Amino acid sequence: MAGMATTANENGSTRNWTFLTNHGHVLLAIARNPTARLRDVAEEVGVTERAAQAIVADLEAGGYLRRTRVGRRNEYTVNPSGHFRHPAEADRQVGHLLALFTGEPAGSGS
C-alpha cells in the first residue's frame, strides 16, 4: 500500500486519514480480486491479517460479501446492491462506489 497522505494542523502535528474506511478498502480489494488471499488483502489495505478477517466477517454479516470455498481457497462474491450503512448515504448502493474504483458497471457482481 502506498503511504497515507498526512495533514498538518495549526500546532505542527500531523494526522493520517483517508476518505474510505478499512471496510471500504477491503471491499474494494476483494472486488478487484475475488480470489485474493486475506493475507494479500491485509497487506494491500495496510491492516493485520486478523483485522482483515474481522472486516470480511463484518462485510459477510452485513450482506456485502459471500464467501465460497473452492478447494483450499476462498472465493468472494460482492453484492453491489447492498446499501451504505450511514444514514446520509443509505439510499445509495455500494455498487456505485465499486464501479468508480474498479471500472466495472455499477450493477455487476464480482
PDB file of N, CA and C in Angstrom:
ATOM      1  N   MET A   1       0.841  -1.172   0.000  1.00  0.00           N
ATOM      2  CA  MET A   1       0.000   0.000   0.000  1.00  0.00           C
ATOM      3  C   MET A   1       0.883   1.231   0.000  1.00  0.00           C
ATOM      4  N   ALA A   2       0.523   2.208  -0.782  1.00  0.00           N
ATOM      5  CA  ALA A   2       1.267   3.457  -0.825  1.00  0.00           C
ATOM      6  C   ALA A   2       1.096   4.190   0.491  1.00  0.00           C
ATOM      7  N   GLY A   3       2.025   5.087   0.796  1.00  0.00           N
ATOM      8  CA  GLY A   3       1.947   5.847   2.032  1.00  0.00           C
ATOM      9  C   GLY A   3       0.683   6.691   2.093  1.00  0.00           C
ATOM     10  N   MET A   4       0.174   6.855   3.307  1.00  0.00           N
ATOM     11  CA  MET A   4      -1.031   7.633   3.517  1.00  0.00           C
ATOM     12  C   MET A   4      -0.696   9.117   3.505  1.00  0.00           C
ATOM     13  N   ALA A   5      -1.595   9.911   2.978  1.00  0.00           N
ATOM     14  CA  ALA A   5      -1.418  11.355   2.993  1.00  0.00           C
ATOM     15  C   ALA A   5      -1.542  11.860   4.421  1.00  0.00           C
ATOM     16  N   THR A   6      -0.770  12.866   4.750  1.00  0.00           N
ATOM     17  CA  THR A   6      -0.851  13.447   6.079  1.00  0.00           C
ATOM     18  C   THR A   6      -1.313  14.888   5.980  1.00  0.00           C
ATOM     19  N   THR A   7      -1.915  15.347   7.049  1.00  0.00           N
ATOM     20  CA  THR A   7      -2.392  16.724   7.135  1.00  0.00           C
ATOM     21  C   THR A   7      -1.798  17.345   8.385  1.00  0.00           C
ATOM     22  N   ALA A   8      -1.164  18.481   8.239  1.00  0.00           N
ATOM     23  CA  ALA A   8      -0.611  19.187   9.394  1.00  0.00           C
ATOM     24  C   ALA A   8      -1.662  20.144   9.933  1.00  0.00           C
ATOM     25  N   ASN A   9      -1.792  20.172  11.273  1.00  0.00           N
ATOM     26  CA  ASN A   9      -2.714  21.136  11.856  1.00  0.00           C
ATOM     27  C   ASN A   9      -1.958  22.381  12.309  1.00  0.00           C
ATOM     28  N   GLU A  10      -2.638  23.299  12.947  1.00  0.00           N
ATOM     29  CA  GLU A  10      -2.043  24.591  13.278  1.00  0.00           C
ATOM     30  C   GLU A  10      -0.864  24.498  14.241  1.00  0.00           C
ATOM     31  N   ASN A  11      -0.785  23.454  15.071  1.00  0.00           N
ATOM     32  CA  ASN A  11       0.343  23.350  16.001  1.00  0.00           C
ATOM     33  C   ASN A  11       1.477  22.479  15.458  1.00  0.00           C
ATOM     34  N   GLY A  12       1.414  22.126  14.179  1.00  0.00           N
ATOM     35  CA  GLY A  12       2.505  21.417  13.531  1.00  0.00           C
ATOM     36  C   GLY A  12       2.427  19.906  13.583  1.00  0.00           C
ATOM     37  N   SER A  13       1.509  19.330  14.375  1.00  0.00           N
ATOM     38  CA  SER A  13       1.419  17.868  14.394  1.00  0.00           C
ATOM     39  C   SER A  13       0.686  17.399  13.145  1.00  0.00           C
ATOM     40  N   THR A  14       0.957  16.166  12.756  1.00  0.00           N
ATOM     41  CA  THR A  14       0.340  15.628  11.538  1.00  0.00           C
ATOM     42  C   THR A  14      -0.607  14.498  11.899  1.00  0.00           C
ATOM     43  N   ARG A  15      -1.606  14.307  11.043  1.00  0.00           N
ATOM     44  CA  ARG A  15      -2.581  13.235  11.207  1.00  0.00           C
ATOM     45  C   ARG A  15      -2.721  12.497   9.893  1.00  0.00           C
ATOM     46  N   ASN A  16      -2.806  11.174   9.992  1.00  0.00           N
ATOM     47  CA  ASN A  16      -3.060  10.340   8.815  1.00  0.00           C
ATOM     48  C   ASN A  16      -4.554  10.062   8.735  1.00  0.00           C
ATOM     49  N   TRP A  17      -5.114  10.213   7.550  1.00  0.00           N
ATOM     50  CA  TRP A  17      -6.520   9.878   7.368  1.00  0.00           C
ATOM     51  C   TRP A  17      -6.783   9.645   5.898  1.00  0.00           C
ATOM     52  N   THR A  18      -7.863   8.932   5.615  1.00  0.00           N
ATOM     53  CA  THR A  18      -8.289   8.699   4.239  1.00  0.00           C
ATOM     54  C   THR A  18      -9.799   8.887   4.176  1.00  0.00           C
ATOM     55  N   PHE A  19     -10.332   9.033   2.989  1.00  0.00           N
ATOM     56  CA  PHE A  19     -11.772   9.194   2.821  1.00  0.00           C
ATOM     57  C   PHE A  19     -12.525   7.890   3.046  1.00  0.00           C
ATOM     58  N   LEU A  20     -11.901   6.764   2.749  1.00  0.00           N
ATOM     59  CA  LEU A  20     -12.564   5.472   2.906  1.00  0.00           C
ATOM     60  C   LEU A  20     -12.081   4.779   4.175  1.00  0.00           C
ATOM     61  N   THR A  21     -12.971   4.027   4.794  1.00  0.00           N
ATOM     62  CA  THR A  21     -12.613   3.232   5.968  1.00  0.00           C
ATOM     63  C   THR A  21     -11.873   1.976   5.529  1.00  0.00           C
ATOM     64  N   ASN A  22     -11.337   1.261   6.503  1.00  0.00           N
ATOM     65  CA  ASN A  22     -10.709  -0.020   6.190  1.00  0.00           C
ATOM     66  C   ASN A  22     -11.723  -0.997   5.609  1.00  0.00           C
ATOM     67  N   HIS A  23     -12.979  -0.916   6.051  1.00  0.00           N
ATOM     68  CA  HIS A  23     -14.014  -1.772   5.485  1.00  0.00           C
ATOM     69  C   HIS A  23     -14.178  -1.481   3.989  1.00  0.00           C
ATOM     70  N   GLY A  24     -14.187  -0.215   3.636  1.00  0.00           N
ATOM     71  CA  GLY A  24     -14.296   0.159   2.231  1.00  0.00           C
ATOM     72  C   GLY A  24     -13.105  -0.315   1.429  1.00  0.00           C
ATOM     73  N   HIS A  25     -11.913  -0.178   1.996  1.00  0.00           N
ATOM     74  CA  HIS A  25     -10.709  -0.618   1.299  1.00  0.00           C
ATOM     75  C   HIS A  25     -10.691  -2.131   1.101  1.00  0.00           C
ATOM     76  N   VAL A  26     -11.116  -2.880   2.119  1.00  0.00           N
ATOM     77  CA  VAL A  26     -11.161  -4.348   1.989  1.00  0.00           C
ATOM     78  C   VAL A  26     -12.180  -4.747   0.931  1.00  0.00           C
ATOM     79  N   LEU A  27     -13.352  -4.129   0.957  1.00  0.00           N
ATOM     80  CA  LEU A  27     -14.367  -4.451  -0.047  1.00  0.00           C
ATOM     81  C   LEU A  27     -13.857  -4.172  -1.456  1.00  0.00           C
ATOM     82  N   LEU A  28     -13.176  -3.054  -1.641  1.00  0.00           N
ATOM     83  CA  LEU A  28     -12.618  -2.726  -2.956  1.00  0.00           C
ATOM     84  C   LEU A  28     -11.527  -3.713  -3.367  1.00  0.00           C
ATOM     85  N   ALA A  29     -10.666  -4.084  -2.440  1.00  0.00           N
ATOM     86  CA  ALA A  29      -9.593  -5.037  -2.753  1.00  0.00           C
ATOM     87  C   ALA A  29     -10.182  -6.371  -3.200  1.00  0.00           C
ATOM     88  N   ILE A  30     -11.230  -6.806  -2.519  1.00  0.00           N
ATOM     89  CA  ILE A  30     -11.859  -8.074  -2.880  1.00  0.00           C
ATOM     90  C   ILE A  30     -12.625  -7.946  -4.193  1.00  0.00           C
ATOM     91  N   ALA A  31     -13.248  -6.803  -4.416  1.00  0.00           N
ATOM     92  CA  ALA A  31     -13.951  -6.593  -5.686  1.00  0.00           C
ATOM     93  C   ALA A  31     -12.970  -6.644  -6.853  1.00  0.00           C
ATOM     94  N   ARG A  32     -11.773  -6.137  -6.657  1.00  0.00           N
ATOM     95  CA  ARG A  32     -10.752  -6.161  -7.716  1.00  0.00           C
ATOM     96  C   ARG A  32     -10.188  -7.557  -7.932  1.00  0.00           C
ATOM     97  N   ASN A  33     -10.114  -8.348  -6.852  1.00  0.00           N
ATOM     98  CA  ASN A  33      -9.527  -9.683  -6.941  1.00  0.00           C
ATOM     99  C   ASN A  33     -10.292 -10.631  -6.022  1.00  0.00           C
ATOM    100  N   PRO A  34     -11.387 -11.218  -6.505  1.00  0.00           N
ATOM    101  CA  PRO A  34     -12.250 -12.057  -5.672  1.00  0.00           C
ATOM    102  C   PRO A  34     -11.606 -13.338  -5.151  1.00  0.00           C
ATOM    103  N   THR A  35     -10.449 -13.721  -5.673  1.00  0.00           N
ATOM    104  CA  THR A  35      -9.780 -14.923  -5.181  1.00  0.00           C
ATOM    105  C   THR A  35      -8.540 -14.592  -4.355  1.00  0.00           C
ATOM    106  N   ALA A  36      -8.386 -13.341  -3.977  1.00  0.00           N
ATOM    107  CA  ALA A  36      -7.213 -12.921  -3.207  1.00  0.00           C
ATOM    108  C   ALA A  36      -7.205 -13.592  -1.833  1.00  0.00           C
ATOM    109  N   ARG A  37      -6.010 -13.920  -1.366  1.00  0.00           N
ATOM    110  CA  ARG A  37      -5.865 -14.418   0.000  1.00  0.00           C
ATOM    111  C   ARG A  37      -6.018 -13.241   0.959  1.00  0.00           C
ATOM    112  N   LEU A  38      -6.565 -13.495   2.128  1.00  0.00           N
ATOM    113  CA  LEU A  38      -6.732 -12.421   3.104  1.00  0.00           C
ATOM    114  C   LEU A  38      -5.394 -11.802   3.496  1.00  0.00           C
ATOM    115  N   ARG A  39      -4.346 -12.589   3.466  1.00  0.00           N
ATOM    116  CA  ARG A  39      -3.008 -12.062   3.746  1.00  0.00           C
ATOM    117  C   ARG A  39      -2.667 -10.955   2.745  1.00  0.00           C
ATOM    118  N   ASP A  40      -3.000 -11.185   1.476  1.00  0.00           N
ATOM    119  CA  ASP A  40      -2.712 -10.198   0.436  1.00  0.00           C
ATOM    120  C   ASP A  40      -3.630  -8.981   0.554  1.00  0.00           C
ATOM    121  N   VAL A  41      -4.895  -9.214   0.892  1.00  0.00           N
ATOM    122  CA  VAL A  41      -5.836  -8.113   1.100  1.00  0.00           C
ATOM    123  C   VAL A  41      -5.350  -7.245   2.256  1.00  0.00           C
ATOM    124  N   ALA A  42      -4.958  -7.882   3.350  1.00  0.00           N
ATOM    125  CA  ALA A  42      -4.472  -7.148   4.522  1.00  0.00           C
ATOM    126  C   ALA A  42      -3.262  -6.289   4.175  1.00  0.00           C
ATOM    127  N   GLU A  43      -2.345  -6.857   3.417  1.00  0.00           N
ATOM    128  CA  GLU A  43      -1.148  -6.111   3.024  1.00  0.00           C
ATOM    129  C   GLU A  43      -1.507  -4.922   2.143  1.00  0.00           C
ATOM    130  N   GLU A  44      -2.424  -5.130   1.198  1.00  0.00           N
ATOM    131  CA  GLU A  44      -2.836  -4.053   0.303  1.00  0.00           C
ATOM    132  C   GLU A  44      -3.502  -2.913   1.068  1.00  0.00           C
ATOM    133  N   VAL A  45      -4.328  -3.267   2.043  1.00  0.00           N
ATOM    134  CA  VAL A  45      -5.081  -2.265   2.796  1.00  0.00           C
ATOM    135  C   VAL A  45      -4.221  -1.612   3.882  1.00  0.00           C
ATOM    136  N   GLY A  46      -3.240  -2.361   4.386  1.00  0.00           N
ATOM    137  CA  GLY A  46      -2.391  -1.824   5.449  1.00  0.00           C
ATOM    138  C   GLY A  46      -2.912  -2.155   6.837  1.00  0.00           C
ATOM    139  N   VAL A  47      -3.548  -3.334   6.970  1.00  0.00           N
ATOM    140  CA  VAL A  47      -4.043  -3.799   8.255  1.00  0.00           C
ATOM    141  C   VAL A  47      -3.459  -5.186   8.513  1.00  0.00           C
ATOM    142  N   THR A  48      -3.648  -5.682   9.728  1.00  0.00           N
ATOM    143  CA  THR A  48      -3.195  -7.038  10.021  1.00  0.00           C
ATOM    144  C   THR A  48      -4.126  -8.050   9.362  1.00  0.00           C
ATOM    145  N   GLU A  49      -3.630  -9.265   9.225  1.00  0.00           N
ATOM    146  CA  GLU A  49      -4.465 -10.315   8.647  1.00  0.00           C
ATOM    147  C   GLU A  49      -5.681 -10.580   9.533  1.00  0.00           C
ATOM    148  N   ARG A  50      -5.497 -10.510  10.821  1.00  0.00           N
ATOM    149  CA  ARG A  50      -6.615 -10.705  11.760  1.00  0.00           C
ATOM    150  C   ARG A  50      -7.669  -9.607  11.584  1.00  0.00           C
ATOM    151  N   ALA A  51      -7.226  -8.365  11.394  1.00  0.00           N
ATOM    152  CA  ALA A  51      -8.165  -7.262  11.161  1.00  0.00           C
ATOM    153  C   ALA A  51      -8.914  -7.483   9.848  1.00  0.00           C
ATOM    154  N   ALA A  52      -8.209  -7.948   8.817  1.00  0.00           N
ATOM    155  CA  ALA A  52      -8.859  -8.228   7.528  1.00  0.00           C
ATOM    156  C   ALA A  52      -9.906  -9.321   7.691  1.00  0.00           C
ATOM    157  N   GLN A  53      -9.604 -10.348   8.495  1.00  0.00           N
ATOM    158  CA  GLN A  53     -10.577 -11.414   8.746  1.00  0.00           C
ATOM    159  C   GLN A  53     -11.820 -10.864   9.433  1.00  0.00           C
ATOM    160  N   ALA A  54     -11.627  -9.995  10.417  1.00  0.00           N
ATOM    161  CA  ALA A  54     -12.762  -9.409  11.135  1.00  0.00           C
ATOM    162  C   ALA A  54     -13.597  -8.533  10.203  1.00  0.00           C
ATOM    163  N   ILE A  55     -12.932  -7.782   9.346  1.00  0.00           N
ATOM    164  CA  ILE A  55     -13.647  -6.920   8.398  1.00  0.00           C
ATOM    165  C   ILE A  55     -14.442  -7.757   7.413  1.00  0.00           C
ATOM    166  N   VAL A  56     -13.846  -8.818   6.897  1.00  0.00           N
ATOM    167  CA  VAL A  56     -14.562  -9.709   5.969  1.00  0.00           C
ATOM    168  C   VAL A  56     -15.768 -10.325   6.674  1.00  0.00           C
ATOM    169  N   ALA A  57     -15.611 -10.710   7.939  1.00  0.00           N
ATOM    170  CA  ALA A  57     -16.749 -11.257   8.689  1.00  0.00           C
ATOM    171  C   ALA A  57     -17.859 -10.212   8.818  1.00  0.00           C
ATOM    172  N   ASP A  58     -17.486  -8.948   9.090  1.00  0.00           N
ATOM    173  CA  ASP A  58     -18.472  -7.860   9.154  1.00  0.00           C
ATOM    174  C   ASP A  58     -19.188  -7.690   7.821  1.00  0.00           C
ATOM    175  N   LEU A  59     -18.406  -7.690   6.737  1.00  0.00           N
ATOM    176  CA  LEU A  59     -18.981  -7.492   5.402  1.00  0.00           C
ATOM    177  C   LEU A  59     -19.895  -8.657   5.021  1.00  0.00           C
ATOM    178  N   GLU A  60     -19.519  -9.869   5.412  1.00  0.00           N
ATOM    179  CA  GLU A  60     -20.385 -11.028   5.161  1.00  0.00           C
ATOM    180  C   GLU A  60     -21.678 -10.920   5.961  1.00  0.00           C
ATOM    181  N   ALA A  61     -21.563 -10.594   7.244  1.00  0.00           N
ATOM    182  CA  ALA A  61     -22.741 -10.472   8.106  1.00  0.00           C
ATOM    183  C   ALA A  61     -23.670  -9.368   7.611  1.00  0.00           C
ATOM    184  N   GLY A  62     -23.097  -8.320   7.021  1.00  0.00           N
ATOM    185  CA  GLY A  62     -23.904  -7.225   6.504  1.00  0.00           C
ATOM    186  C   GLY A  62     -24.482  -7.483   5.126  1.00  0.00           C
ATOM    187  N   GLY A  63     -24.126  -8.613   4.524  1.00  0.00           N
ATOM    188  CA  GLY A  63     -24.661  -8.970   3.215  1.00  0.00           C
ATOM    189  C   GLY A  63     -23.925  -8.350   2.043  1.00  0.00           C
ATOM    190  N   TYR A  64     -22.738  -7.802   2.284  1.00  0.00           N
ATOM    191  CA  TYR A  64     -21.964  -7.178   1.210  1.00  0.00           C
ATOM    192  C   TYR A  64     -21.074  -8.180   0.471  1.00  0.00           C
ATOM    193  N   LEU A  65     -20.749  -9.285   1.128  1.00  0.00           N
ATOM    194  CA  LEU A  65     -19.884 -10.321   0.562  1.00  0.00           C
ATOM    195  C   LEU A  65     -20.490 -11.689   0.816  1.00  0.00           C
ATOM    196  N   ARG A  66     -20.168 -12.611  -0.085  1.00  0.00           N
ATOM    197  CA  ARG A  66     -20.476 -14.023   0.134  1.00  0.00           C
ATOM    198  C   ARG A  66     -19.191 -14.789  -0.119  1.00  0.00           C
ATOM    199  N   ARG A  67     -18.848 -15.657   0.808  1.00  0.00           N
ATOM    200  CA  ARG A  67     -17.618 -16.448   0.703  1.00  0.00           C
ATOM    201  C   ARG A  67     -17.972 -17.855   0.258  1.00  0.00           C
ATOM    202  N   THR A  68     -17.243 -18.358  -0.740  1.00  0.00           N
ATOM    203  CA  THR A  68     -17.432 -19.718  -1.229  1.00  0.00           C
ATOM    204  C   THR A  68     -16.080 -20.421  -1.162  1.00  0.00           C
ATOM    205  N   ARG A  69     -16.081 -21.595  -0.591  1.00  0.00           N
ATOM    206  CA  ARG A  69     -14.851 -22.384  -0.504  1.00  0.00           C
ATOM    207  C   ARG A  69     -14.620 -23.072  -1.843  1.00  0.00           C
ATOM    208  N   VAL A  70     -13.441 -22.865  -2.434  1.00  0.00           N
ATOM    209  CA  VAL A  70     -13.065 -23.504  -3.695  1.00  0.00           C
ATOM    210  C   VAL A  70     -11.725 -24.196  -3.443  1.00  0.00           C
ATOM    211  N   GLY A  71     -11.790 -25.511  -3.214  1.00  0.00           N
ATOM    212  CA  GLY A  71     -10.581 -26.244  -2.862  1.00  0.00           C
ATOM    213  C   GLY A  71     -10.087 -25.771  -1.500  1.00  0.00           C
ATOM    214  N   ARG A  72      -8.853 -25.318  -1.463  1.00  0.00           N
ATOM    215  CA  ARG A  72      -8.260 -24.833  -0.213  1.00  0.00           C
ATOM    216  C   ARG A  72      -8.365 -23.326  -0.057  1.00  0.00           C
ATOM    217  N   ARG A  73      -8.975 -22.666  -1.026  1.00  0.00           N
ATOM    218  CA  ARG A  73      -9.049 -21.199  -1.014  1.00  0.00           C
ATOM    219  C   ARG A  73     -10.488 -20.734  -0.910  1.00  0.00           C
ATOM    220  N   ASN A  74     -10.637 -19.465  -0.625  1.00  0.00           N
ATOM    221  CA  ASN A  74     -11.956 -18.831  -0.624  1.00  0.00           C
ATOM    222  C   ASN A  74     -12.090 -17.975  -1.869  1.00  0.00           C
ATOM    223  N   GLU A  75     -13.289 -17.921  -2.372  1.00  0.00           N
ATOM    224  CA  GLU A  75     -13.618 -17.009  -3.464  1.00  0.00           C
ATOM    225  C   GLU A  75     -14.777 -16.166  -2.964  1.00  0.00           C
ATOM    226  N   TYR A  76     -14.707 -14.874  -3.236  1.00  0.00           N
ATOM    227  CA  TYR A  76     -15.698 -13.944  -2.716  1.00  0.00           C
ATOM    228  C   TYR A  76     -16.559 -13.394  -3.844  1.00  0.00           C
ATOM    229  N   THR A  77     -17.827 -13.210  -3.534  1.00  0.00           N
ATOM    230  CA  THR A  77     -18.753 -12.561  -4.440  1.00  0.00           C
ATOM    231  C   THR A  77     -19.259 -11.316  -3.735  1.00  0.00           C
ATOM    232  N   VAL A  78     -19.094 -10.184  -4.385  1.00  0.00           N
ATOM    233  CA  VAL A  78     -19.529  -8.912  -3.819  1.00  0.00           C
ATOM    234  C   VAL A  78     -20.977  -8.657  -4.224  1.00  0.00           C
ATOM    235  N   ASN A  79     -21.769  -8.160  -3.296  1.00  0.00           N
ATOM    236  CA  ASN A  79     -23.162  -7.804  -3.560  1.00  0.00           C
ATOM    237  C   ASN A  79     -23.224  -6.302  -3.848  1.00  0.00           C
ATOM    238  N   PRO A  80     -23.263  -5.899  -5.109  1.00  0.00           N
ATOM    239  CA  PRO A  80     -23.248  -4.466  -5.439  1.00  0.00           C
ATOM    240  C   PRO A  80     -24.555  -3.755  -5.100  1.00  0.00           C
ATOM    241  N   SER A  81     -25.602  -4.503  -4.798  1.00  0.00           N
ATOM    242  CA  SER A  81     -26.878  -3.854  -4.491  1.00  0.00           C
ATOM    243  C   SER A  81     -27.036  -3.543  -3.006  1.00  0.00           C
ATOM    244  N   GLY A  82     -26.028  -3.897  -2.203  1.00  0.00           N
ATOM    245  CA  GLY A  82     -26.072  -3.544  -0.788  1.00  0.00           C
ATOM    246  C   GLY A  82     -26.026  -2.030  -0.631  1.00  0.00           C
ATOM    247  N   HIS A  83     -26.721  -1.527   0.362  1.00  0.00           N
ATOM    248  CA  HIS A  83     -26.777  -0.078   0.586  1.00  0.00           C
ATOM    249  C   HIS A  83     -25.755   0.349   1.626  1.00  0.00           C
ATOM    250  N   PHE A  84     -25.299   1.590   1.519  1.00  0.00           N
ATOM    251  CA  PHE A  84     -24.387   2.141   2.508  1.00  0.00           C
ATOM    252  C   PHE A  84     -25.068   2.159   3.867  1.00  0.00           C
ATOM    253  N   ARG A  85     -24.304   2.057   4.920  1.00  0.00           N
ATOM    254  CA  ARG A  85     -24.849   1.956   6.269  1.00  0.00           C
ATOM    255  C   ARG A  85     -25.130   3.311   6.906  1.00  0.00           C
ATOM    256  N   HIS A  86     -24.397   4.329   6.536  1.00  0.00           N
ATOM    257  CA  HIS A  86     -24.600   5.643   7.148  1.00  0.00           C
ATOM    258  C   HIS A  86     -25.890   6.260   6.607  1.00  0.00           C
ATOM    259  N   PRO A  87     -26.698   6.859   7.488  1.00  0.00           N
ATOM    260  CA  PRO A  87     -27.977   7.434   7.036  1.00  0.00           C
ATOM    261  C   PRO A  87     -27.841   8.457   5.905  1.00  0.00           C
ATOM    262  N   ALA A  88     -26.735   9.171   5.846  1.00  0.00           N
ATOM    263  CA  ALA A  88     -26.557  10.184   4.801  1.00  0.00           C
ATOM    264  C   ALA A  88     -26.431   9.568   3.409  1.00  0.00           C
ATOM    265  N   GLU A  89     -25.999   8.303   3.335  1.00  0.00           N
ATOM    266  CA  GLU A  89     -25.828   7.632   2.041  1.00  0.00           C
ATOM    267  C   GLU A  89     -26.676   6.378   1.917  1.00  0.00           C
ATOM    268  N   ALA A  90     -27.590   6.142   2.840  1.00  0.00           N
ATOM    269  CA  ALA A  90     -28.343   4.882   2.885  1.00  0.00           C
ATOM    270  C   ALA A  90     -29.174   4.635   1.632  1.00  0.00           C
ATOM    271  N   ASP A  91     -29.448   5.674   0.861  1.00  0.00           N
ATOM    272  CA  ASP A  91     -30.217   5.496  -0.370  1.00  0.00           C
ATOM    273  C   ASP A  91     -29.335   5.096  -1.548  1.00  0.00           C
ATOM    274  N   ARG A  92     -28.040   4.990  -1.337  1.00  0.00           N
ATOM    275  CA  ARG A  92     -27.088   4.636  -2.404  1.00  0.00           C
ATOM    276  C   ARG A  92     -26.599   3.205  -2.253  1.00  0.00           C
ATOM    277  N   GLN A  93     -26.319   2.566  -3.390  1.00  0.00           N
ATOM    278  CA  GLN A  93     -25.793   1.203  -3.384  1.00  0.00           C
ATOM    279  C   GLN A  93     -24.271   1.225  -3.468  1.00  0.00           C
ATOM    280  N   VAL A  94     -23.629   0.258  -2.798  1.00  0.00           N
ATOM    281  CA  VAL A  94     -22.171   0.202  -2.808  1.00  0.00           C
ATOM    282  C   VAL A  94     -21.625  -0.097  -4.199  1.00  0.00           C
ATOM    283  N   GLY A  95     -22.454  -0.643  -5.074  1.00  0.00           N
ATOM    284  CA  GLY A  95     -22.012  -0.915  -6.439  1.00  0.00           C
ATOM    285  C   GLY A  95     -21.545   0.336  -7.165  1.00  0.00           C
ATOM    286  N   HIS A  96     -22.097   1.472  -6.823  1.00  0.00           N
ATOM    287  CA  HIS A  96     -21.668   2.726  -7.449  1.00  0.00           C
ATOM    288  C   HIS A  96     -20.250   3.081  -7.026  1.00  0.00           C
ATOM    289  N   LEU A  97     -19.923   2.870  -5.767  1.00  0.00           N
ATOM    290  CA  LEU A  97     -18.559   3.102  -5.293  1.00  0.00           C
ATOM    291  C   LEU A  97     -17.601   2.109  -5.945  1.00  0.00           C
ATOM    292  N   LEU A  98     -18.007   0.856  -5.977  1.00  0.00           N
ATOM    293  CA  LEU A  98     -17.164  -0.171  -6.591  1.00  0.00           C
ATOM    294  C   LEU A  98     -16.896   0.152  -8.053  1.00  0.00           C
ATOM    295  N   ALA A  99     -17.923   0.598  -8.768  1.00  0.00           N
ATOM    296  CA  ALA A  99     -17.760   0.944 -10.183  1.00  0.00           C
ATOM    297  C   ALA A  99     -16.769   2.086 -10.359  1.00  0.00           C
ATOM    298  N   LEU A 100     -16.790   3.022  -9.447  1.00  0.00           N
ATOM    299  CA  LEU A 100     -15.879   4.165  -9.513  1.00  0.00           C
ATOM    300  C   LEU A 100     -14.419   3.711  -9.444  1.00  0.00           C
ATOM    301  N   PHE A 101     -14.146   2.725  -8.578  1.00  0.00           N
ATOM    302  CA  PHE A 101     -12.770   2.304  -8.363  1.00  0.00           C
ATOM    303  C   PHE A 101     -12.340   1.086  -9.171  1.00  0.00           C
ATOM    304  N   THR A 102     -13.290   0.300  -9.666  1.00  0.00           N
ATOM    305  CA  THR A 102     -12.917  -0.894 -10.406  1.00  0.00           C
ATOM    306  C   THR A 102     -13.125  -0.764 -11.907  1.00  0.00           C
ATOM    307  N   GLY A 103     -13.924   0.225 -12.313  1.00  0.00           N
ATOM    308  CA  GLY A 103     -14.204   0.412 -13.731  1.00  0.00           C
ATOM    309  C   GLY A 103     -15.283  -0.512 -14.255  1.00  0.00           C
ATOM    310  N   GLU A 104     -15.896  -1.324 -13.375  1.00  0.00           N
ATOM    311  CA  GLU A 104     -16.984  -2.207 -13.807  1.00  0.00           C
ATOM    312  C   GLU A 104     -18.312  -1.483 -13.667  1.00  0.00           C
ATOM    313  N   PRO A 105     -19.320  -1.883 -14.435  1.00  0.00           N
ATOM    314  CA  PRO A 105     -20.645  -1.267 -14.290  1.00  0.00           C
ATOM    315  C   PRO A 105     -21.170  -1.431 -12.876  1.00  0.00           C
ATOM    316  N   ALA A 106     -21.946  -0.459 -12.406  1.00  0.00           N
ATOM    317  CA  ALA A 106     -22.417  -0.417 -11.014  1.00  0.00           C
ATOM    318  C   ALA A 106     -23.256  -1.622 -10.629  1.00  0.00           C
ATOM    319  N   GLY A 107     -23.968  -2.242 -11.532  1.00  0.00           N
ATOM    320  CA  GLY A 107     -24.862  -3.329 -11.171  1.00  0.00           C
ATOM    321  C   GLY A 107     -24.255  -4.700 -11.217  1.00  0.00           C
ATOM    322  N   SER A 108     -22.994  -4.837 -11.649  1.00  0.00           N
ATOM    323  CA  SER A 108     -22.426  -6.176 -11.812  1.00  0.00           C
ATOM    324  C   SER A 108     -21.776  -6.638 -10.523  1.00  0.00           C
ATOM    325  N   GLY A 109     -21.932  -7.912 -10.221  1.00  0.00           N
ATOM    326  CA  GLY A 109     -21.276  -8.501  -9.049  1.00  0.00           C
ATOM    327  C   GLY A 109     -19.919  -9.016  -9.428  1.00  0.00           C
ATOM    328  N   SER A 110     -19.033  -9.159  -8.443  1.00  0.00           N
ATOM    329  CA  SER A 110     -17.694  -9.700  -8.703  1.00  0.00           C
ATOM    330  C   SER A 110     -17.657 -11.159  -8.429  1.00  0.00           C
TER     331      SER A 110
END
